[in-house]
Amino acid sequence: MSAEHTPAQQHADLVAERAAAHPTSPDAIVLATHLLTRPAPAAWYDSGVRDHARALLDATAALPAADRPEGTEQLRRALVNSGDIDAARA
């Protein structure tokens, strides 16, 4: 919730990296999705966020279907909308 009320984070890639370390956490999925969909200060700013969010999606997809956290599909869509076309096939 705090990420929603925080202006563009200066080190959003580090926040996304930390979230990517928790593929079973619904909160990590929501956070990564938020970081992908928030207004960014510049186009280049989100490349690190996208990389870590993709790693999180890949790790989540490797889990058995019953263990995948809620929000995984929203993360996939956010990645596709941010330019990660390969995420559509994930």
PDB file of N, CA and C in Angstrom:
ATOM      1  N   MET A   1       0.824  -1.193   0.000  1.00  0.00           N
ATOM      2  CA  MET A   1       0.000   0.000   0.000  1.00  0.00           C
ATOM      3  C   MET A   1       0.865   1.252   0.000  1.00  0.00           C
ATOM      4  N   SER A   2       1.979   1.215   0.700  1.00  0.00           N
ATOM      5  CA  SER A   2       2.799   2.422   0.747  1.00  0.00           C
ATOM      6  C   SER A   2       3.382   2.761  -0.620  1.00  0.00           C
ATOM      7  N   ALA A   3       3.649   1.747  -1.454  1.00  0.00           N
ATOM      8  CA  ALA A   3       4.194   2.010  -2.785  1.00  0.00           C
ATOM      9  C   ALA A   3       3.209   2.797  -3.636  1.00  0.00           C
ATOM     10  N   GLU A   4       1.916   2.598  -3.420  1.00  0.00           N
ATOM     11  CA  GLU A   4       0.906   3.325  -4.178  1.00  0.00           C
ATOM     12  C   GLU A   4       0.919   4.812  -3.855  1.00  0.00           C
ATOM     13  N   HIS A   5       1.313   5.159  -2.645  1.00  0.00           N
ATOM     14  CA  HIS A   5       1.269   6.545  -2.199  1.00  0.00           C
ATOM     15  C   HIS A   5       2.624   7.229  -2.243  1.00  0.00           C
ATOM     16  N   THR A   6       3.629   6.521  -2.725  1.00  0.00           N
ATOM     17  CA  THR A   6       4.970   7.073  -2.791  1.00  0.00           C
ATOM     18  C   THR A   6       5.218   7.580  -4.205  1.00  0.00           C
ATOM     19  N   PRO A   7       5.728   8.784  -4.334  1.00  0.00           N
ATOM     20  CA  PRO A   7       6.069   9.237  -5.683  1.00  0.00           C
ATOM     21  C   PRO A   7       7.100   8.302  -6.310  1.00  0.00           C
ATOM     22  N   ALA A   8       7.392   8.478  -7.555  1.00  0.00           N
ATOM     23  CA  ALA A   8       8.319   7.597  -8.276  1.00  0.00           C
ATOM     24  C   ALA A   8       9.560   7.323  -7.432  1.00  0.00           C
ATOM     25  N   GLN A   9       9.776   6.081  -7.115  1.00  0.00           N
ATOM     26  CA  GLN A   9      10.918   5.687  -6.304  1.00  0.00           C
ATOM     27  C   GLN A   9      12.203   5.878  -7.091  1.00  0.00           C
ATOM     28  N   GLN A  10      13.219   6.393  -6.440  1.00  0.00           N
ATOM     29  CA  GLN A  10      14.496   6.614  -7.099  1.00  0.00           C
ATOM     30  C   GLN A  10      15.223   5.311  -7.396  1.00  0.00           C
ATOM     31  N   HIS A  11      14.962   4.282  -6.639  1.00  0.00           N
ATOM     32  CA  HIS A  11      15.635   3.000  -6.833  1.00  0.00           C
ATOM     33  C   HIS A  11      14.598   1.879  -6.933  1.00  0.00           C
ATOM     34  N   ALA A  12      13.642   2.079  -7.826  1.00  0.00           N
ATOM     35  CA  ALA A  12      12.574   1.096  -7.987  1.00  0.00           C
ATOM     36  C   ALA A  12      13.115  -0.256  -8.421  1.00  0.00           C
ATOM     37  N   ASP A  13      14.242  -0.262  -9.141  1.00  0.00           N
ATOM     38  CA  ASP A  13      14.826  -1.536  -9.558  1.00  0.00           C
ATOM     39  C   ASP A  13      15.275  -2.358  -8.361  1.00  0.00           C
ATOM     40  N   LEU A  14      15.754  -1.701  -7.317  1.00  0.00           N
ATOM     41  CA  LEU A  14      16.167  -2.423  -6.109  1.00  0.00           C
ATOM     42  C   LEU A  14      14.960  -2.977  -5.364  1.00  0.00           C
ATOM     43  N   VAL A  15      13.868  -2.233  -5.378  1.00  0.00           N
ATOM     44  CA  VAL A  15      12.632  -2.709  -4.762  1.00  0.00           C
ATOM     45  C   VAL A  15      12.123  -3.929  -5.538  1.00  0.00           C
ATOM     46  N   ALA A  16      12.155  -3.850  -6.867  1.00  0.00           N
ATOM     47  CA  ALA A  16      11.712  -4.974  -7.702  1.00  0.00           C
ATOM     48  C   ALA A  16      12.619  -6.182  -7.519  1.00  0.00           C
ATOM     49  N   GLU A  17      13.908  -5.942  -7.359  1.00  0.00           N
ATOM     50  CA  GLU A  17      14.846  -7.047  -7.128  1.00  0.00           C
ATOM     51  C   GLU A  17      14.508  -7.775  -5.834  1.00  0.00           C
ATOM     52  N   ARG A  18      14.194  -7.020  -4.815  1.00  0.00           N
ATOM     53  CA  ARG A  18      13.838  -7.637  -3.531  1.00  0.00           C
ATOM     54  C   ARG A  18      12.530  -8.425  -3.661  1.00  0.00           C
ATOM     55  N   ALA A  19      11.560  -7.878  -4.386  1.00  0.00           N
ATOM     56  CA  ALA A  19      10.296  -8.585  -4.592  1.00  0.00           C
ATOM     57  C   ALA A  19      10.520  -9.880  -5.357  1.00  0.00           C
ATOM     58  N   ALA A  20      11.428  -9.861  -6.336  1.00  0.00           N
ATOM     59  CA  ALA A  20      11.689 -11.044  -7.160  1.00  0.00           C
ATOM     60  C   ALA A  20      12.233 -12.213  -6.358  1.00  0.00           C
ATOM     61  N   ALA A  21      12.765 -11.933  -5.189  1.00  0.00           N
ATOM     62  CA  ALA A  21      13.305 -12.995  -4.341  1.00  0.00           C
ATOM     63  C   ALA A  21      12.207 -13.765  -3.601  1.00  0.00           C
ATOM     64  N   HIS A  22      10.952 -13.356  -3.796  1.00  0.00           N
ATOM     65  CA  HIS A  22       9.840 -13.979  -3.059  1.00  0.00           C
ATOM     66  C   HIS A  22       8.719 -14.413  -4.003  1.00  0.00           C
ATOM     67  N   PRO A  23       8.972 -15.416  -4.851  1.00  0.00           N
ATOM     68  CA  PRO A  23       7.982 -15.795  -5.865  1.00  0.00           C
ATOM     69  C   PRO A  23       6.691 -16.398  -5.313  1.00  0.00           C
ATOM     70  N   THR A  24       6.670 -16.786  -4.059  1.00  0.00           N
ATOM     71  CA  THR A  24       5.437 -17.339  -3.493  1.00  0.00           C
ATOM     72  C   THR A  24       4.614 -16.291  -2.757  1.00  0.00           C
ATOM     73  N   SER A  25       5.087 -15.062  -2.727  1.00  0.00           N
ATOM     74  CA  SER A  25       4.412 -14.002  -1.978  1.00  0.00           C
ATOM     75  C   SER A  25       3.459 -13.202  -2.858  1.00  0.00           C
ATOM     76  N   PRO A  26       2.176 -13.205  -2.518  1.00  0.00           N
ATOM     77  CA  PRO A  26       1.235 -12.365  -3.261  1.00  0.00           C
ATOM     78  C   PRO A  26       1.610 -10.877  -3.160  1.00  0.00           C
ATOM     79  N   ASP A  27       2.172 -10.468  -2.032  1.00  0.00           N
ATOM     80  CA  ASP A  27       2.574  -9.072  -1.866  1.00  0.00           C
ATOM     81  C   ASP A  27       3.691  -8.702  -2.837  1.00  0.00           C
ATOM     82  N   ALA A  28       4.620  -9.613  -3.080  1.00  0.00           N
ATOM     83  CA  ALA A  28       5.708  -9.357  -4.023  1.00  0.00           C
ATOM     84  C   ALA A  28       5.151  -9.192  -5.435  1.00  0.00           C
ATOM     85  N   ILE A  29       4.157  -9.992  -5.784  1.00  0.00           N
ATOM     86  CA  ILE A  29       3.523  -9.907  -7.097  1.00  0.00           C
ATOM     87  C   ILE A  29       2.830  -8.547  -7.257  1.00  0.00           C
ATOM     88  N   VAL A  30       2.081  -8.151  -6.242  1.00  0.00           N
ATOM     89  CA  VAL A  30       1.376  -6.867  -6.291  1.00  0.00           C
ATOM     90  C   VAL A  30       2.373  -5.717  -6.388  1.00  0.00           C
ATOM     91  N   LEU A  31       3.447  -5.783  -5.622  1.00  0.00           N
ATOM     92  CA  LEU A  31       4.455  -4.719  -5.636  1.00  0.00           C
ATOM     93  C   LEU A  31       5.113  -4.609  -7.009  1.00  0.00           C
ATOM     94  N   ALA A  32       5.521  -5.729  -7.568  1.00  0.00           N
ATOM     95  CA  ALA A  32       6.162  -5.713  -8.885  1.00  0.00           C
ATOM     96  C   ALA A  32       5.201  -5.187  -9.949  1.00  0.00           C
ATOM     97  N   THR A  33       3.946  -5.586  -9.869  1.00  0.00           N
ATOM     98  CA  THR A  33       2.941  -5.103 -10.812  1.00  0.00           C
ATOM     99  C   THR A  33       2.782  -3.594 -10.685  1.00  0.00           C
ATOM    100  N   HIS A  34       2.728  -3.108  -9.456  1.00  0.00           N
ATOM    101  CA  HIS A  34       2.600  -1.664  -9.229  1.00  0.00           C
ATOM    102  C   HIS A  34       3.804  -0.912  -9.798  1.00  0.00           C
ATOM    103  N   LEU A  35       4.983  -1.439  -9.584  1.00  0.00           N
ATOM    104  CA  LEU A  35       6.180  -0.766 -10.088  1.00  0.00           C
ATOM    105  C   LEU A  35       6.190  -0.695 -11.613  1.00  0.00           C
ATOM    106  N   LEU A  36       5.595  -1.676 -12.257  1.00  0.00           N
ATOM    107  CA  LEU A  36       5.518  -1.670 -13.722  1.00  0.00           C
ATOM    108  C   LEU A  36       4.469  -0.710 -14.264  1.00  0.00           C
ATOM    109  N   THR A  37       3.441  -0.450 -13.477  1.00  0.00           N
ATOM    110  CA  THR A  37       2.314   0.330 -13.982  1.00  0.00           C
ATOM    111  C   THR A  37       2.288   1.762 -13.468  1.00  0.00           C
ATOM    112  N   ARG A  38       3.170   2.126 -12.572  1.00  0.00           N
ATOM    113  CA  ARG A  38       3.185   3.485 -12.045  1.00  0.00           C
ATOM    114  C   ARG A  38       3.824   4.425 -13.059  1.00  0.00           C
ATOM    115  N   PRO A  39       3.560   5.697 -12.955  1.00  0.00           N
ATOM    116  CA  PRO A  39       4.267   6.641 -13.833  1.00  0.00           C
ATOM    117  C   PRO A  39       5.752   6.664 -13.463  1.00  0.00           C
ATOM    118  N   ALA A  40       6.596   6.531 -14.436  1.00  0.00           N
ATOM    119  CA  ALA A  40       8.042   6.552 -14.201  1.00  0.00           C
ATOM    120  C   ALA A  40       8.600   7.906 -14.629  1.00  0.00           C
ATOM    121  N   PRO A  41       9.668   8.362 -13.992  1.00  0.00           N
ATOM    122  CA  PRO A  41      10.228   9.658 -14.340  1.00  0.00           C
ATOM    123  C   PRO A  41      10.844   9.716 -15.744  1.00  0.00           C
ATOM    124  N   ALA A  42      11.241   8.579 -16.310  1.00  0.00           N
ATOM    125  CA  ALA A  42      11.824   8.549 -17.655  1.00  0.00           C
ATOM    126  C   ALA A  42      11.659   7.144 -18.225  1.00  0.00           C
ATOM    127  N   ALA A  43      11.679   7.039 -19.543  1.00  0.00           N
ATOM    128  CA  ALA A  43      11.458   5.737 -20.195  1.00  0.00           C
ATOM    129  C   ALA A  43      12.508   4.703 -19.792  1.00  0.00           C
ATOM    130  N   TRP A  44      13.767   5.099 -19.664  1.00  0.00           N
ATOM    131  CA  TRP A  44      14.846   4.166 -19.330  1.00  0.00           C
ATOM    132  C   TRP A  44      14.739   3.650 -17.900  1.00  0.00           C
ATOM    133  N   TYR A  45      13.969   4.357 -17.088  1.00  0.00           N
ATOM    134  CA  TYR A  45      13.906   4.103 -15.656  1.00  0.00           C
ATOM    135  C   TYR A  45      13.406   2.700 -15.326  1.00  0.00           C
ATOM    136  N   ASP A  46      12.529   2.168 -16.165  1.00  0.00           N
ATOM    137  CA  ASP A  46      11.883   0.899 -15.836  1.00  0.00           C
ATOM    138  C   ASP A  46      12.585  -0.334 -16.367  1.00  0.00           C
ATOM    139  N   SER A  47      13.705  -0.212 -17.050  1.00  0.00           N
ATOM    140  CA  SER A  47      14.341  -1.405 -17.606  1.00  0.00           C
ATOM    141  C   SER A  47      14.752  -2.379 -16.500  1.00  0.00           C
ATOM    142  N   GLY A  48      15.308  -1.901 -15.413  1.00  0.00           N
ATOM    143  CA  GLY A  48      15.677  -2.773 -14.298  1.00  0.00           C
ATOM    144  C   GLY A  48      14.457  -3.361 -13.612  1.00  0.00           C
ATOM    145  N   VAL A  49      13.414  -2.555 -13.474  1.00  0.00           N
ATOM    146  CA  VAL A  49      12.169  -3.044 -12.872  1.00  0.00           C
ATOM    147  C   VAL A  49      11.616  -4.174 -13.725  1.00  0.00           C
ATOM    148  N   ARG A  50      11.598  -3.968 -15.051  1.00  0.00           N
ATOM    149  CA  ARG A  50      11.080  -4.996 -15.962  1.00  0.00           C
ATOM    150  C   ARG A  50      11.877  -6.291 -15.854  1.00  0.00           C
ATOM    151  N   ASP A  51      13.194  -6.181 -15.783  1.00  0.00           N
ATOM    152  CA  ASP A  51      14.035  -7.383 -15.685  1.00  0.00           C
ATOM    153  C   ASP A  51      13.716  -8.182 -14.422  1.00  0.00           C
ATOM    154  N   HIS A  52      13.599  -7.499 -13.303  1.00  0.00           N
ATOM    155  CA  HIS A  52      13.320  -8.199 -12.039  1.00  0.00           C
ATOM    156  C   HIS A  52      11.882  -8.719 -11.991  1.00  0.00           C
ATOM    157  N   ALA A  53      10.960  -7.952 -12.553  1.00  0.00           N
ATOM    158  CA  ALA A  53       9.572  -8.414 -12.597  1.00  0.00           C
ATOM    159  C   ALA A  53       9.460  -9.651 -13.476  1.00  0.00           C
ATOM    160  N   ARG A  54      10.213  -9.683 -14.565  1.00  0.00           N
ATOM    161  CA  ARG A  54      10.200 -10.870 -15.435  1.00  0.00           C
ATOM    162  C   ARG A  54      10.789 -12.072 -14.714  1.00  0.00           C
ATOM    163  N   ALA A  55      11.857 -11.857 -13.952  1.00  0.00           N
ATOM    164  CA  ALA A  55      12.439 -12.959 -13.165  1.00  0.00           C
ATOM    165  C   ALA A  55      11.423 -13.475 -12.155  1.00  0.00           C
ATOM    166  N   LEU A  56      10.668 -12.566 -11.556  1.00  0.00           N
ATOM    167  CA  LEU A  56       9.628 -12.968 -10.607  1.00  0.00           C
ATOM    168  C   LEU A  56       8.545 -13.773 -11.318  1.00  0.00           C
ATOM    169  N   LEU A  57       8.114 -13.317 -12.487  1.00  0.00           N
ATOM    170  CA  LEU A  57       7.103 -14.063 -13.241  1.00  0.00           C
ATOM    171  C   LEU A  57       7.609 -15.447 -13.611  1.00  0.00           C
ATOM    172  N   ASP A  58       8.844 -15.533 -14.072  1.00  0.00           N
ATOM    173  CA  ASP A  58       9.415 -16.831 -14.449  1.00  0.00           C
ATOM    174  C   ASP A  58       9.487 -17.775 -13.252  1.00  0.00           C
ATOM    175  N   ALA A  59       9.907 -17.241 -12.107  1.00  0.00           N
ATOM    176  CA  ALA A  59       9.990 -18.076 -10.891  1.00  0.00           C
ATOM    177  C   ALA A  59       8.610 -18.513 -10.438  1.00  0.00           C
ATOM    178  N   THR A  60       7.647 -17.632 -10.566  1.00  0.00           N
ATOM    179  CA  THR A  60       6.273 -17.970 -10.190  1.00  0.00           C
ATOM    180  C   THR A  60       5.697 -19.021 -11.133  1.00  0.00           C
ATOM    181  N   ALA A  61       5.973 -18.871 -12.425  1.00  0.00           N
ATOM    182  CA  ALA A  61       5.468 -19.827 -13.414  1.00  0.00           C
ATOM    183  C   ALA A  61       6.066 -21.215 -13.218  1.00  0.00           C
ATOM    184  N   ALA A  62       7.251 -21.287 -12.621  1.00  0.00           N
ATOM    185  CA  ALA A  62       7.899 -22.577 -12.384  1.00  0.00           C
ATOM    186  C   ALA A  62       7.277 -23.325 -11.207  1.00  0.00           C
ATOM    187  N   LEU A  63       6.492 -22.623 -10.414  1.00  0.00           N
ATOM    188  CA  LEU A  63       5.830 -23.263  -9.271  1.00  0.00           C
ATOM    189  C   LEU A  63       4.667 -24.123  -9.749  1.00  0.00           C
ATOM    190  N   PRO A  64       4.310 -25.154  -8.976  1.00  0.00           N
ATOM    191  CA  PRO A  64       3.084 -25.890  -9.312  1.00  0.00           C
ATOM    192  C   PRO A  64       1.899 -24.921  -9.315  1.00  0.00           C
ATOM    193  N   ALA A  65       0.948 -25.144 -10.181  1.00  0.00           N
ATOM    194  CA  ALA A  65      -0.193 -24.231 -10.335  1.00  0.00           C
ATOM    195  C   ALA A  65      -0.873 -23.912  -9.004  1.00  0.00           C
ATOM    196  N   ALA A  66      -0.985 -24.889  -8.143  1.00  0.00           N
ATOM    197  CA  ALA A  66      -1.657 -24.677  -6.850  1.00  0.00           C
ATOM    198  C   ALA A  66      -0.872 -23.745  -5.933  1.00  0.00           C
ATOM    199  N   ASP A  67       0.415 -23.610  -6.163  1.00  0.00           N
ATOM    200  CA  ASP A  67       1.257 -22.780  -5.301  1.00  0.00           C
ATOM    201  C   ASP A  67       1.489 -21.370  -5.845  1.00  0.00           C
ATOM    202  N   ARG A  68       1.007 -21.089  -7.042  1.00  0.00           N
ATOM    203  CA  ARG A  68       1.208 -19.764  -7.629  1.00  0.00           C
ATOM    204  C   ARG A  68       0.348 -18.741  -6.906  1.00  0.00           C
ATOM    205  N   PRO A  69       0.959 -17.626  -6.516  1.00  0.00           N
ATOM    206  CA  PRO A  69       0.187 -16.622  -5.781  1.00  0.00           C
ATOM    207  C   PRO A  69      -0.818 -15.898  -6.670  1.00  0.00           C
ATOM    208  N   GLU A  70      -1.847 -15.410  -6.041  1.00  0.00           N
ATOM    209  CA  GLU A  70      -2.842 -14.609  -6.734  1.00  0.00           C
ATOM    210  C   GLU A  70      -2.163 -13.364  -7.303  1.00  0.00           C
ATOM    211  N   GLY A  71      -2.568 -12.949  -8.456  1.00  0.00           N
ATOM    212  CA  GLY A  71      -1.993 -11.761  -9.071  1.00  0.00           C
ATOM    213  C   GLY A  71      -0.964 -12.054 -10.141  1.00  0.00           C
ATOM    214  N   THR A  72      -0.622 -13.325 -10.318  1.00  0.00           N
ATOM    215  CA  THR A  72       0.392 -13.686 -11.306  1.00  0.00           C
ATOM    216  C   THR A  72      -0.027 -13.258 -12.716  1.00  0.00           C
ATOM    217  N   GLU A  73      -1.285 -13.431 -13.043  1.00  0.00           N
ATOM    218  CA  GLU A  73      -1.774 -13.039 -14.368  1.00  0.00           C
ATOM    219  C   GLU A  73      -1.699 -11.525 -14.558  1.00  0.00           C
ATOM    220  N   GLN A  74      -1.982 -10.765 -13.505  1.00  0.00           N
ATOM    221  CA  GLN A  74      -1.885  -9.302 -13.597  1.00  0.00           C
ATOM    222  C   GLN A  74      -0.437  -8.879 -13.824  1.00  0.00           C
ATOM    223  N   LEU A  75       0.507  -9.565 -13.194  1.00  0.00           N
ATOM    224  CA  LEU A  75       1.922  -9.269 -13.403  1.00  0.00           C
ATOM    225  C   LEU A  75       2.305  -9.566 -14.852  1.00  0.00           C
ATOM    226  N   ARG A  76       1.847 -10.677 -15.379  1.00  0.00           N
ATOM    227  CA  ARG A  76       2.144 -11.023 -16.772  1.00  0.00           C
ATOM    228  C   ARG A  76       1.617  -9.944 -17.713  1.00  0.00           C
ATOM    229  N   ARG A  77       0.364  -9.518 -17.485  1.00  0.00           N
ATOM    230  CA  ARG A  77      -0.218  -8.473 -18.334  1.00  0.00           C
ATOM    231  C   ARG A  77       0.541  -7.160 -18.218  1.00  0.00           C
ATOM    232  N   ALA A  78       0.964  -6.804 -17.009  1.00  0.00           N
ATOM    233  CA  ALA A  78       1.726  -5.569 -16.810  1.00  0.00           C
ATOM    234  C   ALA A  78       3.057  -5.636 -17.553  1.00  0.00           C
ATOM    235  N   LEU A  79       3.686  -6.802 -17.556  1.00  0.00           N
ATOM    236  CA  LEU A  79       4.931  -6.968 -18.299  1.00  0.00           C
ATOM    237  C   LEU A  79       4.701  -6.805 -19.796  1.00  0.00           C
ATOM    238  N   VAL A  80       3.667  -7.428 -20.308  1.00  0.00           N
ATOM    239  CA  VAL A  80       3.347  -7.302 -21.731  1.00  0.00           C
ATOM    240  C   VAL A  80       3.082  -5.844 -22.080  1.00  0.00           C
ATOM    241  N   ASN A  81       2.300  -5.170 -21.260  1.00  0.00           N
ATOM    242  CA  ASN A  81       1.971  -3.764 -21.519  1.00  0.00           C
ATOM    243  C   ASN A  81       3.188  -2.851 -21.408  1.00  0.00           C
ATOM    244  N   SER A  82       4.212  -3.289 -20.681  1.00  0.00           N
ATOM    245  CA  SER A  82       5.422  -2.473 -20.541  1.00  0.00           C
ATOM    246  C   SER A  82       6.428  -2.754 -21.654  1.00  0.00           C
ATOM    247  N   GLY A  83       6.097  -3.689 -22.544  1.00  0.00           N
ATOM    248  CA  GLY A  83       6.957  -3.950 -23.677  1.00  0.00           C
ATOM    249  C   GLY A  83       7.614  -5.319 -23.711  1.00  0.00           C
ATOM    250  N   ASP A  84       7.393  -6.131 -22.698  1.00  0.00           N
ATOM    251  CA  ASP A  84       7.966  -7.482 -22.663  1.00  0.00           C
ATOM    252  C   ASP A  84       7.033  -8.432 -23.407  1.00  0.00           C
ATOM    253  N   ILE A  85       7.135  -8.448 -24.718  1.00  0.00           N
ATOM    254  CA  ILE A  85       6.230  -9.239 -25.556  1.00  0.00           C
ATOM    255  C   ILE A  85       6.370 -10.734 -25.265  1.00  0.00           C
ATOM    256  N   ASP A  86       7.561 -11.179 -24.921  1.00  0.00           N
ATOM    257  CA  ASP A  86       7.770 -12.595 -24.617  1.00  0.00           C
ATOM    258  C   ASP A  86       6.973 -13.045 -23.407  1.00  0.00           C
ATOM    259  N   ALA A  87       6.610 -12.129 -22.524  1.00  0.00           N
ATOM    260  CA  ALA A  87       5.822 -12.496 -21.348  1.00  0.00           C
ATOM    261  C   ALA A  87       4.432 -12.994 -21.752  1.00  0.00           C
ATOM    262  N   ALA A  88       3.982 -12.631 -22.931  1.00  0.00           N
ATOM    263  CA  ALA A  88       2.672 -13.100 -23.410  1.00  0.00           C
ATOM    264  C   ALA A  88       2.683 -14.604 -23.618  1.00  0.00           C
ATOM    265  N   ARG A  89       3.850 -15.143 -23.900  1.00  0.00           N
ATOM    266  CA  ARG A  89       3.964 -16.595 -24.118  1.00  0.00           C
ATOM    267  C   ARG A  89       4.305 -17.345 -22.845  1.00  0.00           C
ATOM    268  N   ALA A  90       4.582 -16.646 -21.787  1.00  0.00           N
ATOM    269  CA  ALA A  90       4.995 -17.305 -20.526  1.00  0.00           C
ATOM    270  C   ALA A  90       3.831 -18.020 -19.890  1.00  0.00           C
TER     271      ALA A  90
END
